Amino acid sequence: MSGLFVTGTDTGVGKTLASTALLHALRAGGTDAAGMKLPASGCEETAEAWRNDDALSLVAASAPRLSYADVNPYALPLPLAPEIAARRAGVEVRLEVLEAAYEWLHNQSNIVVVEGVGGWLAPLSASLDRIDLVRVLRLPVVLVVGMRLGCINHARLTARAIAADGARLVDWIASHADPEMQCQDEKFDILRQRLDAPCRGRLPHMPGADPLLLAQYLTIPQPGQ
């Protein structure tokens, strides 16, 4: 396996948290792992250029050390859906650029963890969906399930959409985005029974937690598993 594609049941469910924890867990197992962020909307202007907080977190969690441009080829200023943010910035998000960025990262590390934006069906541009990249790179998919109201329905619908697009869901991670959600354990058990992929961990609701600490909540399969 040269890479993983991390998607979520929606925006704000903890994809970056899961992706950075996954990078640390892989590294703890002796694997060089690099993060990659698809078009990142919502950036701050710095002395260097536009920077996105999620992409910066992936840079910090990666080994070997990477530059920001390596991890995030498209930094879009406005905090809007990527297709709209790119249009407002006068930028065309191109598949070949994303593919070249991935291949470069793969040459630097054993595995690349690609973090998507929004939910599975949120488009990257007027002519580009994330499945286009997943197909060309042949990436297995990890689904981050935001454990909040509606999570069972959202997770099952997303899993069906992934399969319908011809992609392969290999793992899912529970992210406890809402600590006030009732019946958390029961809903987790329902998802574990209904989703046709193993759960690799439950990330607790710990705002501001170090991803290195959260990595201990994930189980990384060994070769052959």
C-alpha atoms as a PDB file:
ATOM      1  CA  MET A   1       0.000   0.000   0.000  1.00  0.00           C
ATOM      2  CA  SER A   2       1.520   3.286  -1.098  1.00  0.00           C
ATOM      3  CA  GLY A   3      -1.214   5.582   0.131  1.00  0.00           C
ATOM      4  CA  LEU A   4      -4.554   6.128   1.831  1.00  0.00           C
ATOM      5  CA  PHE A   5      -7.344   8.555   1.092  1.00  0.00           C
ATOM      6  CA  VAL A   6      -9.065   9.965   4.177  1.00  0.00           C
ATOM      7  CA  THR A   7     -12.619  11.188   3.718  1.00  0.00           C
ATOM      8  CA  GLY A   8     -15.368  12.061   6.166  1.00  0.00           C
ATOM      9  CA  THR A   9     -19.095  11.806   6.667  1.00  0.00           C
ATOM     10  CA  ASP A  10     -19.215  15.612   6.492  1.00  0.00           C
ATOM     11  CA  THR A  11     -17.128  18.706   7.059  1.00  0.00           C
ATOM     12  CA  GLY A  12     -15.920  19.362  10.595  1.00  0.00           C
ATOM     13  CA  VAL A  13     -15.936  15.722  11.678  1.00  0.00           C
ATOM     14  CA  GLY A  14     -12.214  15.483  12.478  1.00  0.00           C
ATOM     15  CA  LYS A  15     -10.540  14.429   9.224  1.00  0.00           C
ATOM     16  CA  THR A  16      -7.381  16.400   9.998  1.00  0.00           C
ATOM     17  CA  LEU A  17      -7.271  15.047  13.541  1.00  0.00           C
ATOM     18  CA  ALA A  18      -7.624  11.512  12.228  1.00  0.00           C
ATOM     19  CA  SER A  19      -5.122  12.060   9.403  1.00  0.00           C
ATOM     20  CA  THR A  20      -2.425  13.477  11.685  1.00  0.00           C
ATOM     21  CA  ALA A  21      -3.007  10.775  14.304  1.00  0.00           C
ATOM     22  CA  LEU A  22      -2.771   8.191  11.519  1.00  0.00           C
ATOM     23  CA  LEU A  23       0.525   9.675  10.331  1.00  0.00           C
ATOM     24  CA  HIS A  24       1.976   9.453  13.848  1.00  0.00           C
ATOM     25  CA  ALA A  25       0.696   5.893  14.281  1.00  0.00           C
ATOM     26  CA  LEU A  26       2.315   4.836  11.012  1.00  0.00           C
ATOM     27  CA  ARG A  27       5.566   6.509  11.977  1.00  0.00           C
ATOM     28  CA  ALA A  28       5.501   4.811  15.386  1.00  0.00           C
ATOM     29  CA  GLY A  29       5.387   1.508  13.530  1.00  0.00           C
ATOM     30  CA  GLY A  30       8.557   2.402  11.653  1.00  0.00           C
ATOM     31  CA  THR A  31       7.003   3.711   8.448  1.00  0.00           C
ATOM     32  CA  ASP A  32       7.937   7.019   6.846  1.00  0.00           C
ATOM     33  CA  ALA A  33       4.602   8.721   6.204  1.00  0.00           C
ATOM     34  CA  ALA A  34       3.769  11.985   4.464  1.00  0.00           C
ATOM     35  CA  GLY A  35       0.538  13.954   4.556  1.00  0.00           C
ATOM     36  CA  MET A  36      -1.112  15.602   1.590  1.00  0.00           C
ATOM     37  CA  LYS A  37      -3.986  18.087   1.613  1.00  0.00           C
ATOM     38  CA  LEU A  38      -6.269  18.482  -1.368  1.00  0.00           C
ATOM     39  CA  PRO A  39      -7.307  22.040  -2.288  1.00  0.00           C
ATOM     40  CA  ALA A  40      -7.453  23.785   1.093  1.00  0.00           C
ATOM     41  CA  SER A  41      -9.913  26.644   1.348  1.00  0.00           C
ATOM     42  CA  GLY A  42      -9.745  29.104   4.195  1.00  0.00           C
ATOM     43  CA  CYS A  43      -6.131  30.276   4.418  1.00  0.00           C
ATOM     44  CA  GLU A  44      -4.266  33.080   6.148  1.00  0.00           C
ATOM     45  CA  GLU A  45      -1.762  35.258   4.350  1.00  0.00           C
ATOM     46  CA  THR A  46       1.754  34.964   5.772  1.00  0.00           C
ATOM     47  CA  ALA A  47       5.144  36.356   4.828  1.00  0.00           C
ATOM     48  CA  GLU A  48       5.704  33.249   2.673  1.00  0.00           C
ATOM     49  CA  ALA A  49       2.271  32.795   1.062  1.00  0.00           C
ATOM     50  CA  TRP A  50      -1.227  31.608   1.890  1.00  0.00           C
ATOM     51  CA  ARG A  51      -1.307  28.947   4.606  1.00  0.00           C
ATOM     52  CA  ASN A  52      -4.064  26.620   5.811  1.00  0.00           C
ATOM     53  CA  ASP A  53      -4.113  25.331   9.398  1.00  0.00           C
ATOM     54  CA  ASP A  54      -5.099  21.780   8.443  1.00  0.00           C
ATOM     55  CA  ALA A  55      -2.288  21.556   5.902  1.00  0.00           C
ATOM     56  CA  LEU A  56       0.187  22.932   8.452  1.00  0.00           C
ATOM     57  CA  SER A  57      -0.858  20.163  10.842  1.00  0.00           C
ATOM     58  CA  LEU A  58      -0.125  17.581   8.153  1.00  0.00           C
ATOM     59  CA  VAL A  59       3.295  19.134   7.543  1.00  0.00           C
ATOM     60  CA  ALA A  60       4.100  18.888  11.251  1.00  0.00           C
ATOM     61  CA  ALA A  61       2.997  15.234  11.443  1.00  0.00           C
ATOM     62  CA  SER A  62       4.933  14.079   8.376  1.00  0.00           C
ATOM     63  CA  ALA A  63       8.330  12.431   8.186  1.00  0.00           C
ATOM     64  CA  PRO A  64      10.619  13.165   6.466  1.00  0.00           C
ATOM     65  CA  ARG A  65      10.181  16.889   6.935  1.00  0.00           C
ATOM     66  CA  LEU A  66       8.347  18.505   4.034  1.00  0.00           C
ATOM     67  CA  SER A  67       7.714  22.013   2.813  1.00  0.00           C
ATOM     68  CA  TYR A  68       4.221  23.473   2.848  1.00  0.00           C
ATOM     69  CA  ALA A  69       4.021  23.524  -0.958  1.00  0.00           C
ATOM     70  CA  ASP A  70       4.828  19.801  -1.036  1.00  0.00           C
ATOM     71  CA  VAL A  71       1.825  18.976   1.157  1.00  0.00           C
ATOM     72  CA  ASN A  72      -0.750  21.464  -0.170  1.00  0.00           C
ATOM     73  CA  PRO A  73      -0.480  22.332  -3.883  1.00  0.00           C
ATOM     74  CA  TYR A  74      -3.612  24.520  -3.796  1.00  0.00           C
ATOM     75  CA  ALA A  75      -4.031  27.002  -0.915  1.00  0.00           C
ATOM     76  CA  LEU A  76      -7.246  28.963  -1.501  1.00  0.00           C
ATOM     77  CA  PRO A  77      -7.852  32.122   0.565  1.00  0.00           C
ATOM     78  CA  LEU A  78     -11.628  32.101   1.096  1.00  0.00           C
ATOM     79  CA  PRO A  79     -13.291  29.642   3.541  1.00  0.00           C
ATOM     80  CA  LEU A  80     -15.757  28.355   0.953  1.00  0.00           C
ATOM     81  CA  ALA A  81     -16.445  25.092  -0.838  1.00  0.00           C
ATOM     82  CA  PRO A  82     -13.282  24.312  -2.874  1.00  0.00           C
ATOM     83  CA  GLU A  83     -14.979  24.736  -6.242  1.00  0.00           C
ATOM     84  CA  ILE A  84     -16.231  28.206  -5.277  1.00  0.00           C
ATOM     85  CA  ALA A  85     -13.022  29.209  -3.467  1.00  0.00           C
ATOM     86  CA  ALA A  86     -10.930  28.247  -6.501  1.00  0.00           C
ATOM     87  CA  ARG A  87     -13.215  30.187  -8.842  1.00  0.00           C
ATOM     88  CA  ARG A  88     -13.018  33.274  -6.632  1.00  0.00           C
ATOM     89  CA  ALA A  89      -9.216  32.966  -6.565  1.00  0.00           C
ATOM     90  CA  GLY A  90      -9.000  32.555 -10.348  1.00  0.00           C
ATOM     91  CA  VAL A  91      -7.441  29.109  -9.914  1.00  0.00           C
ATOM     92  CA  GLU A  92      -8.132  25.948 -11.896  1.00  0.00           C
ATOM     93  CA  VAL A  93      -7.714  22.797  -9.816  1.00  0.00           C
ATOM     94  CA  ARG A  94      -6.155  20.237 -12.156  1.00  0.00           C
ATOM     95  CA  LEU A  95      -5.924  16.487 -11.718  1.00  0.00           C
ATOM     96  CA  GLU A  96      -2.418  16.264 -13.168  1.00  0.00           C
ATOM     97  CA  VAL A  97      -1.107  18.748 -10.584  1.00  0.00           C
ATOM     98  CA  LEU A  98      -2.558  16.701  -7.703  1.00  0.00           C
ATOM     99  CA  GLU A  99      -1.247  13.483  -9.236  1.00  0.00           C
ATOM    100  CA  ALA A 100       2.275  14.934  -9.604  1.00  0.00           C
ATOM    101  CA  ALA A 101       2.211  16.186  -5.998  1.00  0.00           C
ATOM    102  CA  TYR A 102       1.242  12.744  -4.762  1.00  0.00           C
ATOM    103  CA  GLU A 103       3.928  10.984  -6.796  1.00  0.00           C
ATOM    104  CA  TRP A 104       6.582  13.370  -5.465  1.00  0.00           C
ATOM    105  CA  LEU A 105       5.499  12.708  -1.875  1.00  0.00           C
ATOM    106  CA  HIS A 106       5.467   8.976  -2.502  1.00  0.00           C
ATOM    107  CA  ASN A 107       9.072   9.154  -3.662  1.00  0.00           C
ATOM    108  CA  GLN A 108       9.970  10.766  -0.331  1.00  0.00           C
ATOM    109  CA  SER A 109       8.136   8.335   1.966  1.00  0.00           C
ATOM    110  CA  ASN A 110       6.701   4.840   2.256  1.00  0.00           C
ATOM    111  CA  ILE A 111       3.063   5.890   2.448  1.00  0.00           C
ATOM    112  CA  VAL A 112       1.082   9.054   1.689  1.00  0.00           C
ATOM    113  CA  VAL A 113      -2.012   9.957   3.692  1.00  0.00           C
ATOM    114  CA  VAL A 114      -4.200  12.151   1.480  1.00  0.00           C
ATOM    115  CA  GLU A 115      -6.774  14.199   3.379  1.00  0.00           C
ATOM    116  CA  GLY A 116      -9.878  15.101   1.414  1.00  0.00           C
ATOM    117  CA  VAL A 117     -12.101  18.135   1.856  1.00  0.00           C
ATOM    118  CA  GLY A 118     -15.679  18.066   3.120  1.00  0.00           C
ATOM    119  CA  GLY A 119     -17.666  14.903   2.512  1.00  0.00           C
ATOM    120  CA  TRP A 120     -17.138  12.277  -0.175  1.00  0.00           C
ATOM    121  CA  LEU A 121     -19.286  13.936  -2.856  1.00  0.00           C
ATOM    122  CA  ALA A 122     -18.106  17.520  -2.393  1.00  0.00           C
ATOM    123  CA  PRO A 123     -16.531  18.452  -5.777  1.00  0.00           C
ATOM    124  CA  LEU A 124     -12.981  19.759  -6.121  1.00  0.00           C
ATOM    125  CA  SER A 125     -13.801  21.815  -9.210  1.00  0.00           C
ATOM    126  CA  ALA A 126     -16.477  22.157 -11.868  1.00  0.00           C
ATOM    127  CA  SER A 127     -14.998  19.161 -13.706  1.00  0.00           C
ATOM    128  CA  LEU A 128     -13.180  17.242 -10.975  1.00  0.00           C
ATOM    129  CA  ASP A 129     -14.427  14.990  -8.175  1.00  0.00           C
ATOM    130  CA  ARG A 130     -12.260  13.298  -5.567  1.00  0.00           C
ATOM    131  CA  ILE A 131     -13.067   9.901  -7.089  1.00  0.00           C
ATOM    132  CA  ASP A 132     -11.091  10.989 -10.154  1.00  0.00           C
ATOM    133  CA  LEU A 133      -7.958  11.272  -8.017  1.00  0.00           C
ATOM    134  CA  VAL A 134      -8.727   8.131  -6.003  1.00  0.00           C
ATOM    135  CA  ARG A 135      -9.107   6.152  -9.224  1.00  0.00           C
ATOM    136  CA  VAL A 136      -5.976   7.386 -10.951  1.00  0.00           C
ATOM    137  CA  LEU A 137      -3.870   6.806  -7.812  1.00  0.00           C
ATOM    138  CA  ARG A 138      -5.704   3.587  -6.871  1.00  0.00           C
ATOM    139  CA  LEU A 139      -6.058   4.710  -3.283  1.00  0.00           C
ATOM    140  CA  PRO A 140      -7.956   2.710  -0.653  1.00  0.00           C
ATOM    141  CA  VAL A 141     -10.299   4.847   1.435  1.00  0.00           C
ATOM    142  CA  VAL A 142     -10.459   5.471   5.185  1.00  0.00           C
ATOM    143  CA  LEU A 143     -13.753   6.958   6.396  1.00  0.00           C
ATOM    144  CA  VAL A 144     -13.802   9.284   9.403  1.00  0.00           C
ATOM    145  CA  VAL A 145     -17.236   9.067  11.004  1.00  0.00           C
ATOM    146  CA  GLY A 146     -18.200  12.133  12.994  1.00  0.00           C
ATOM    147  CA  MET A 147     -19.961  10.683  16.036  1.00  0.00           C
ATOM    148  CA  ARG A 148     -22.804  13.136  16.310  1.00  0.00           C
ATOM    149  CA  LEU A 149     -26.522  13.276  15.589  1.00  0.00           C
ATOM    150  CA  GLY A 150     -27.246  11.467  12.307  1.00  0.00           C
ATOM    151  CA  CYS A 151     -23.930   9.611  12.205  1.00  0.00           C
ATOM    152  CA  ILE A 152     -25.399   6.175  11.450  1.00  0.00           C
ATOM    153  CA  ASN A 153     -27.265   7.420   8.396  1.00  0.00           C
ATOM    154  CA  HIS A 154     -24.375   9.609   7.201  1.00  0.00           C
ATOM    155  CA  ALA A 155     -21.810   6.832   7.596  1.00  0.00           C
ATOM    156  CA  ARG A 156     -23.885   4.232   5.779  1.00  0.00           C
ATOM    157  CA  LEU A 157     -24.756   6.595   2.947  1.00  0.00           C
ATOM    158  CA  THR A 158     -21.098   7.579   2.545  1.00  0.00           C
ATOM    159  CA  ALA A 159     -19.970   3.945   2.543  1.00  0.00           C
ATOM    160  CA  ARG A 160     -22.530   3.184  -0.189  1.00  0.00           C
ATOM    161  CA  ALA A 161     -21.393   6.171  -2.246  1.00  0.00           C
ATOM    162  CA  ILE A 162     -17.753   5.077  -1.971  1.00  0.00           C
ATOM    163  CA  ALA A 163     -18.654   1.572  -3.172  1.00  0.00           C
ATOM    164  CA  ALA A 164     -20.894   2.913  -5.949  1.00  0.00           C
ATOM    165  CA  ASP A 165     -17.975   4.970  -7.258  1.00  0.00           C
ATOM    166  CA  GLY A 166     -15.862   1.839  -7.455  1.00  0.00           C
ATOM    167  CA  ALA A 167     -13.527   2.805  -4.601  1.00  0.00           C
ATOM    168  CA  ARG A 168     -12.532   0.469  -1.767  1.00  0.00           C
ATOM    169  CA  LEU A 169     -13.350   1.318   1.848  1.00  0.00           C
ATOM    170  CA  VAL A 170     -10.666  -0.419   3.914  1.00  0.00           C
ATOM    171  CA  ASP A 171     -11.047   1.152   7.363  1.00  0.00           C
ATOM    172  CA  TRP A 172     -13.111   3.610   9.347  1.00  0.00           C
ATOM    173  CA  ILE A 173     -12.326   5.750  12.359  1.00  0.00           C
ATOM    174  CA  ALA A 174     -14.852   7.036  14.879  1.00  0.00           C
ATOM    175  CA  SER A 175     -14.287  10.689  15.779  1.00  0.00           C
ATOM    176  CA  HIS A 176     -16.286  11.818  18.804  1.00  0.00           C
ATOM    177  CA  ALA A 177     -17.041  15.282  17.474  1.00  0.00           C
ATOM    178  CA  ASP A 178     -19.981  15.837  19.825  1.00  0.00           C
ATOM    179  CA  PRO A 179     -19.290  14.863  23.451  1.00  0.00           C
ATOM    180  CA  GLU A 180     -22.966  15.482  24.299  1.00  0.00           C
ATOM    181  CA  MET A 181     -24.294  12.903  21.847  1.00  0.00           C
ATOM    182  CA  GLN A 182     -26.440  10.310  23.587  1.00  0.00           C
ATOM    183  CA  CYS A 183     -25.948   6.542  23.340  1.00  0.00           C
ATOM    184  CA  GLN A 184     -22.408   6.832  21.950  1.00  0.00           C
ATOM    185  CA  ASP A 185     -21.439   3.221  22.635  1.00  0.00           C
ATOM    186  CA  GLU A 186     -24.652   1.805  21.204  1.00  0.00           C
ATOM    187  CA  LYS A 187     -24.342   3.874  18.033  1.00  0.00           C
ATOM    188  CA  PHE A 188     -20.709   2.847  17.698  1.00  0.00           C
ATOM    189  CA  ASP A 189     -21.711  -0.826  17.980  1.00  0.00           C
ATOM    190  CA  ILE A 190     -24.402  -0.367  15.299  1.00  0.00           C
ATOM    191  CA  LEU A 191     -21.841   1.182  12.948  1.00  0.00           C
ATOM    192  CA  ARG A 192     -19.338  -1.561  13.642  1.00  0.00           C
ATOM    193  CA  GLN A 193     -21.973  -4.143  12.679  1.00  0.00           C
ATOM    194  CA  ARG A 194     -23.222  -2.303   9.576  1.00  0.00           C
ATOM    195  CA  LEU A 195     -20.078  -0.921   7.943  1.00  0.00           C
ATOM    196  CA  ASP A 196     -18.258  -3.433   5.772  1.00  0.00           C
ATOM    197  CA  ALA A 197     -14.784  -2.458   6.979  1.00  0.00           C
ATOM    198  CA  PRO A 198     -12.911  -2.733  10.280  1.00  0.00           C
ATOM    199  CA  CYS A 199     -12.838   0.151  12.730  1.00  0.00           C
ATOM    200  CA  ARG A 200      -9.265   1.214  13.462  1.00  0.00           C
ATOM    201  CA  GLY A 201     -10.051   3.271  16.541  1.00  0.00           C
ATOM    202  CA  ARG A 202     -12.167   5.788  18.410  1.00  0.00           C
ATOM    203  CA  LEU A 203     -10.750   9.278  18.780  1.00  0.00           C
ATOM    204  CA  PRO A 204     -12.071  10.962  21.935  1.00  0.00           C
ATOM    205  CA  HIS A 205     -13.307  14.552  22.044  1.00  0.00           C
ATOM    206  CA  MET A 206     -10.074  16.293  23.092  1.00  0.00           C
ATOM    207  CA  PRO A 207      -9.903  19.805  21.550  1.00  0.00           C
ATOM    208  CA  GLY A 208      -6.313  20.911  21.030  1.00  0.00           C
ATOM    209  CA  ALA A 209      -4.884  17.479  21.829  1.00  0.00           C
ATOM    210  CA  ASP A 210      -1.491  16.525  20.445  1.00  0.00           C
ATOM    211  CA  PRO A 211      -1.981  14.145  17.463  1.00  0.00           C
ATOM    212  CA  LEU A 212       0.938  12.115  18.809  1.00  0.00           C
ATOM    213  CA  LEU A 213      -1.161  11.427  21.920  1.00  0.00           C
ATOM    214  CA  LEU A 214      -4.235  10.568  19.868  1.00  0.00           C
ATOM    215  CA  ALA A 215      -2.251   8.103  17.744  1.00  0.00           C
ATOM    216  CA  GLN A 216      -2.403   5.636  20.623  1.00  0.00           C
ATOM    217  CA  TYR A 217      -6.155   5.288  20.052  1.00  0.00           C
ATOM    218  CA  LEU A 218      -5.580   3.862  16.556  1.00  0.00           C
ATOM    219  CA  THR A 219      -4.676   0.309  15.603  1.00  0.00           C
ATOM    220  CA  ILE A 220      -2.540   0.053  12.483  1.00  0.00           C
ATOM    221  CA  PRO A 221      -2.758  -3.298  10.648  1.00  0.00           C
ATOM    222  CA  GLN A 222       0.436  -5.223  10.217  1.00  0.00           C
ATOM    223  CA  PRO A 223       1.568  -6.467   6.780  1.00  0.00           C
ATOM    224  CA  GLY A 224      -0.779  -9.174   5.542  1.00  0.00           C
ATOM    225  CA  GLN A 225      -3.735  -8.026   7.623  1.00  0.00           C
END
